Amino acid sequence: MIYEISAEDAPSLGDIREACAGDTVHLMPDWREREDWTRYLDAVAHAMARGAVIQQGDDLV
């Protein structure tokens, strides 16, 4: 599954934490404009440890 985190929209933190091998998390360029971006950073770290691929940058727009 592909999850996308942006300033305006994001899946639940639990969904991101449960992401694992075979899943991809896209961190859109504006994702750090979210008030809760540090909570998402923690969830993304969990996903990465479980084998999810994390992609970020302007090429995702």
C-alpha atoms as a PDB file:
ATOM      1  CA  MET A   1       0.000   0.000   0.000  1.00  0.00           C
ATOM      2  CA  ILE A   2       1.110   3.577  -0.621  1.00  0.00           C
ATOM      3  CA  TYR A   3       0.557   6.144   2.123  1.00  0.00           C
ATOM      4  CA  GLU A   4       0.902   9.865   1.510  1.00  0.00           C
ATOM      5  CA  ILE A   5       1.565  12.447   4.208  1.00  0.00           C
ATOM      6  CA  SER A   6       1.106  16.101   3.302  1.00  0.00           C
ATOM      7  CA  ALA A   7       0.265  19.317   5.128  1.00  0.00           C
ATOM      8  CA  GLU A   8      -3.410  18.923   4.305  1.00  0.00           C
ATOM      9  CA  ASP A   9      -3.985  15.179   4.413  1.00  0.00           C
ATOM     10  CA  ALA A  10      -2.562  12.050   5.992  1.00  0.00           C
ATOM     11  CA  PRO A  11      -3.663   8.580   7.013  1.00  0.00           C
ATOM     12  CA  SER A  12      -4.041   7.821  10.698  1.00  0.00           C
ATOM     13  CA  LEU A  13      -0.882   7.559  12.779  1.00  0.00           C
ATOM     14  CA  GLY A  14      -1.728   3.930  13.510  1.00  0.00           C
ATOM     15  CA  ASP A  15      -1.879   3.096   9.820  1.00  0.00           C
ATOM     16  CA  ILE A  16       1.563   4.602   9.298  1.00  0.00           C
ATOM     17  CA  ARG A  17       3.008   2.743  12.308  1.00  0.00           C
ATOM     18  CA  GLU A  18       1.662  -0.553  10.960  1.00  0.00           C
ATOM     19  CA  ALA A  19       3.183  -0.075   7.496  1.00  0.00           C
ATOM     20  CA  CYS A  20       5.762  -2.751   6.747  1.00  0.00           C
ATOM     21  CA  ALA A  21       7.687  -4.442   3.935  1.00  0.00           C
ATOM     22  CA  GLY A  22       5.820  -3.952   0.682  1.00  0.00           C
ATOM     23  CA  ASP A  23       4.391  -0.594   1.791  1.00  0.00           C
ATOM     24  CA  THR A  24       5.618   2.847   0.754  1.00  0.00           C
ATOM     25  CA  VAL A  25       5.225   6.107   2.632  1.00  0.00           C
ATOM     26  CA  HIS A  26       5.459   9.318   0.591  1.00  0.00           C
ATOM     27  CA  LEU A  27       6.456  12.387   2.580  1.00  0.00           C
ATOM     28  CA  MET A  28       5.263  15.270   0.461  1.00  0.00           C
ATOM     29  CA  PRO A  29       7.402  18.451   0.418  1.00  0.00           C
ATOM     30  CA  ASP A  30       5.001  20.271   2.759  1.00  0.00           C
ATOM     31  CA  TRP A  31       4.506  17.493   5.303  1.00  0.00           C
ATOM     32  CA  ARG A  32       6.463  19.350   8.019  1.00  0.00           C
ATOM     33  CA  GLU A  33       3.917  22.169   7.915  1.00  0.00           C
ATOM     34  CA  ARG A  34       1.534  19.906   9.857  1.00  0.00           C
ATOM     35  CA  GLU A  35       1.164  20.802  13.532  1.00  0.00           C
ATOM     36  CA  ASP A  36       1.615  17.113  14.374  1.00  0.00           C
ATOM     37  CA  TRP A  37       4.567  16.453  12.065  1.00  0.00           C
ATOM     38  CA  THR A  38       6.762  15.163  14.908  1.00  0.00           C
ATOM     39  CA  ARG A  39       4.179  12.501  15.710  1.00  0.00           C
ATOM     40  CA  TYR A  40       4.197  11.463  12.065  1.00  0.00           C
ATOM     41  CA  LEU A  41       7.991  11.404  12.107  1.00  0.00           C
ATOM     42  CA  ASP A  42       7.837   8.892  14.961  1.00  0.00           C
ATOM     43  CA  ALA A  43       5.276   6.787  13.088  1.00  0.00           C
ATOM     44  CA  VAL A  44       7.400   6.860   9.927  1.00  0.00           C
ATOM     45  CA  ALA A  45      10.415   5.658  11.932  1.00  0.00           C
ATOM     46  CA  HIS A  46       8.349   2.682  13.102  1.00  0.00           C
ATOM     47  CA  ALA A  47       7.282   1.946   9.537  1.00  0.00           C
ATOM     48  CA  MET A  48      10.866   2.129   8.314  1.00  0.00           C
ATOM     49  CA  ALA A  49      11.980  -0.279  11.045  1.00  0.00           C
ATOM     50  CA  ARG A  50       9.250  -2.672   9.894  1.00  0.00           C
ATOM     51  CA  GLY A  51      10.589  -2.576   6.322  1.00  0.00           C
ATOM     52  CA  ALA A  52       8.446   0.099   4.663  1.00  0.00           C
ATOM     53  CA  VAL A  53      10.050   2.241   1.970  1.00  0.00           C
ATOM     54  CA  ILE A  54      10.093   5.952   2.785  1.00  0.00           C
ATOM     55  CA  GLN A  55      10.280   8.457  -0.065  1.00  0.00           C
ATOM     56  CA  GLN A  56      10.364  12.213   0.164  1.00  0.00           C
ATOM     57  CA  GLY A  57      11.190  15.208  -1.949  1.00  0.00           C
ATOM     58  CA  ASP A  58       9.944  17.426  -4.708  1.00  0.00           C
ATOM     59  CA  ASP A  59       9.795  14.519  -7.181  1.00  0.00           C
ATOM     60  CA  LEU A  60       6.677  13.248  -5.404  1.00  0.00           C
ATOM     61  CA  VAL A  61       4.589  16.257  -6.459  1.00  0.00           C
END
